Amino acid sequence: MRRFKRHAIDTPEPPPLRLAEFLPYRISVAAESVSRAFAARYEAEFGLSIPEWRVMAVLGEGAPLSTQAVIAATEMDRVKVSRAVIRLADKGLVARAPHPEDQRAQVLSLAPRGEALYRRIVPRAHGLQAELAEALTPQEIAALGGMLEKLRRRASRLLGEDGGAG
């Protein structure tokens, strides 16, 4: 392949990308660090992966839910949710039933063992959140929440999804 030299009349080259200053990278690294910290504790204390905990958390907030509703609420892909549901059902933590209006779909809820585990995990989750939040003031936490929501909506719009107003 032949390369051509740039001439002074060409568009100037953009500055190099400094990954440590690149917003998408910084958000991803922060999210991954937080997720790993939580995952280590959930796995060690409760034998749950992060996807499994997310499914349980959504079902604990308001079950029964369709698999599609769990996918939407957790913002995880179908395969990840499906695998988490299978593992949770195998552990006796989640109950699956046919959807009353669509026999191809399932309705999910916490099984009695899942409800008991959920009640044990929730205080620990609040504690982990409080430990993490110690790095920020209440005003910073509120501002961060608003900024994260703005970025989520903007990213959804960039993807052509309905990200809501704002």
Protein backbone atom coordinates (compact mmCIF):
# COMPACT_ATOMS: atom_id res chain seq x y z
CA MET A 1 0.00 0.00 0.00
CA ARG A 2 1.36 3.40 -0.96
CA ARG A 3 1.38 6.17 1.63
CA PHE A 4 1.15 9.82 0.80
CA LYS A 5 2.73 12.61 2.78
CA ARG A 6 0.44 15.16 4.31
CA HIS A 7 0.72 18.63 2.91
CA ALA A 8 0.24 21.88 4.76
CA ILE A 9 -3.10 22.40 3.03
CA ASP A 10 -4.46 19.11 4.37
CA THR A 11 -6.64 19.00 7.41
CA PRO A 12 -4.43 19.04 10.48
CA GLU A 13 -4.08 15.73 12.24
CA PRO A 14 -6.21 15.44 15.34
CA PRO A 15 -4.36 15.30 18.62
CA PRO A 16 -3.56 11.80 19.84
CA LEU A 17 -6.23 10.07 21.87
CA ARG A 18 -5.18 10.02 25.51
CA LEU A 19 -7.00 6.98 26.79
CA ALA A 20 -6.72 8.01 30.45
CA GLU A 21 -8.61 11.22 29.57
CA PHE A 22 -11.15 9.60 27.20
CA LEU A 23 -14.58 9.83 28.88
CA PRO A 24 -16.03 6.52 27.62
CA TYR A 25 -12.90 4.70 28.80
CA ARG A 26 -12.94 6.37 32.22
CA ILE A 27 -16.62 5.52 32.74
CA SER A 28 -16.01 1.92 31.68
CA VAL A 29 -12.99 1.51 33.96
CA ALA A 30 -14.83 3.00 36.94
CA ALA A 31 -17.87 0.79 36.33
CA GLU A 32 -15.70 -2.29 35.95
CA SER A 33 -13.80 -1.52 39.16
CA VAL A 34 -17.01 -1.06 41.12
CA SER A 35 -18.51 -4.19 39.57
CA ARG A 36 -15.43 -6.28 40.45
CA ALA A 37 -15.52 -5.04 44.05
CA PHE A 38 -19.17 -5.99 44.38
CA ALA A 39 -18.74 -9.27 42.47
CA ALA A 40 -15.97 -10.44 44.75
CA ARG A 41 -18.19 -10.03 47.79
CA TYR A 42 -21.37 -11.44 46.24
CA GLU A 43 -19.50 -14.47 44.95
CA ALA A 44 -17.65 -15.10 48.22
CA GLU A 45 -20.59 -14.50 50.55
CA PHE A 46 -23.56 -15.68 48.52
CA GLY A 47 -22.23 -17.70 45.58
CA LEU A 48 -23.77 -15.33 43.03
CA SER A 49 -22.32 -13.72 39.93
CA ILE A 50 -23.17 -10.11 39.13
CA PRO A 51 -25.69 -11.11 36.41
CA GLU A 52 -27.36 -13.51 38.85
CA TRP A 53 -27.55 -10.80 41.52
CA ARG A 54 -28.99 -8.30 39.04
CA VAL A 55 -31.74 -10.73 38.05
CA MET A 56 -32.52 -11.43 41.71
CA ALA A 57 -32.53 -7.71 42.53
CA VAL A 58 -35.01 -6.93 39.76
CA LEU A 59 -37.25 -9.84 40.75
CA GLY A 60 -36.99 -8.79 44.40
CA GLU A 61 -38.24 -5.31 43.49
CA GLY A 62 -41.38 -6.59 41.84
CA ALA A 63 -42.05 -10.08 40.56
CA PRO A 64 -43.39 -11.87 38.69
CA LEU A 65 -41.78 -10.46 35.56
CA SER A 66 -41.39 -11.69 32.02
CA THR A 67 -37.90 -12.54 30.85
CA GLN A 68 -38.15 -9.56 28.49
CA ALA A 69 -38.94 -7.24 31.41
CA VAL A 70 -35.89 -8.56 33.30
CA ILE A 71 -33.72 -7.96 30.22
CA ALA A 72 -35.01 -4.38 29.98
CA ALA A 73 -34.64 -3.67 33.70
CA THR A 74 -31.11 -5.07 34.01
CA GLU A 75 -29.92 -3.69 30.65
CA MET A 76 -28.16 -7.01 30.07
CA ASP A 77 -28.37 -8.93 26.82
CA ARG A 78 -30.76 -11.85 26.37
CA VAL A 79 -28.02 -14.52 26.54
CA LYS A 80 -26.57 -13.17 29.80
CA VAL A 81 -30.02 -13.00 31.41
CA SER A 82 -30.95 -16.46 30.13
CA ARG A 83 -27.77 -18.01 31.55
CA ALA A 84 -28.24 -16.25 34.88
CA VAL A 85 -31.87 -17.42 35.09
CA ILE A 86 -30.88 -21.02 34.32
CA ARG A 87 -28.19 -20.98 37.04
CA LEU A 88 -30.57 -19.37 39.54
CA ALA A 89 -33.30 -21.90 38.74
CA ASP A 90 -30.79 -24.75 39.11
CA LYS A 91 -29.89 -23.37 42.56
CA GLY A 92 -33.58 -23.23 43.51
CA LEU A 93 -33.54 -19.44 43.77
CA VAL A 94 -35.77 -18.50 40.82
CA ALA A 95 -39.06 -20.04 39.72
CA ARG A 96 -40.04 -20.12 36.05
CA ALA A 97 -43.56 -20.48 34.71
CA PRO A 98 -45.09 -20.24 31.23
CA HIS A 99 -46.26 -16.75 30.31
CA PRO A 100 -50.09 -16.74 30.36
CA GLU A 101 -50.33 -14.84 27.06
CA ASP A 102 -47.30 -16.24 25.21
CA GLN A 103 -46.38 -19.87 25.78
CA ARG A 104 -42.94 -19.26 24.22
CA ALA A 105 -42.12 -16.78 26.99
CA GLN A 106 -41.56 -17.29 30.71
CA VAL A 107 -42.62 -15.47 33.84
CA LEU A 108 -39.94 -15.30 36.51
CA SER A 109 -40.18 -14.84 40.26
CA LEU A 110 -38.03 -15.52 43.28
CA ALA A 111 -38.53 -18.98 44.73
CA PRO A 112 -38.84 -19.17 48.55
CA ARG A 113 -35.08 -19.85 48.84
CA GLY A 114 -34.44 -16.90 46.52
CA GLU A 115 -36.63 -14.60 48.62
CA ALA A 116 -34.75 -15.63 51.76
CA LEU A 117 -31.38 -15.03 50.09
CA TYR A 118 -32.58 -11.71 48.68
CA ARG A 119 -33.54 -10.56 52.20
CA ARG A 120 -30.02 -11.48 53.38
CA ILE A 121 -28.27 -9.74 50.48
CA VAL A 122 -30.15 -6.42 50.45
CA PRO A 123 -28.65 -5.09 53.72
CA ARG A 124 -25.20 -6.14 52.51
CA ALA A 125 -25.77 -4.38 49.17
CA HIS A 126 -26.77 -1.21 51.01
CA GLY A 127 -23.63 -1.54 53.11
CA LEU A 128 -21.41 -1.95 50.05
CA GLN A 129 -23.04 1.06 48.43
CA ALA A 130 -22.43 3.10 51.60
CA GLU A 131 -18.76 2.03 51.65
CA LEU A 132 -18.36 3.13 48.05
CA ALA A 133 -20.24 6.38 48.64
CA GLU A 134 -17.84 7.35 51.43
CA ALA A 135 -15.57 8.66 48.65
CA LEU A 136 -18.17 11.32 47.76
CA THR A 137 -20.17 14.03 49.48
CA PRO A 138 -23.99 13.81 49.36
CA GLN A 139 -23.97 16.66 46.83
CA GLU A 140 -21.45 14.80 44.65
CA ILE A 141 -23.57 11.64 44.82
CA ALA A 142 -26.66 13.56 43.70
CA ALA A 143 -24.73 15.31 40.92
CA LEU A 144 -23.17 12.04 39.77
CA GLY A 145 -26.59 10.40 39.58
CA GLY A 146 -27.86 13.18 37.36
CA MET A 147 -24.77 13.13 35.16
CA LEU A 148 -24.89 9.36 34.72
CA GLU A 149 -28.53 9.55 33.70
CA LYS A 150 -27.77 12.31 31.17
CA LEU A 151 -24.95 10.23 29.69
CA ARG A 152 -27.14 7.12 29.57
CA ARG A 153 -29.88 9.00 27.71
CA ARG A 154 -27.38 10.56 25.32
CA ALA A 155 -25.77 7.19 24.57
CA SER A 156 -29.23 5.71 23.95
CA ARG A 157 -30.00 8.49 21.49
CA LEU A 158 -26.66 7.94 19.73
CA LEU A 159 -27.65 4.28 19.36
CA GLY A 160 -31.04 5.31 18.01
CA GLU A 161 -32.86 3.97 21.06
CA ASP A 162 -35.57 5.80 22.93
CA GLY A 163 -33.53 7.33 25.73
CA GLY A 164 -36.22 9.58 27.14
CA ALA A 165 -36.21 13.35 27.35
CA GLY A 166 -33.25 15.42 28.33
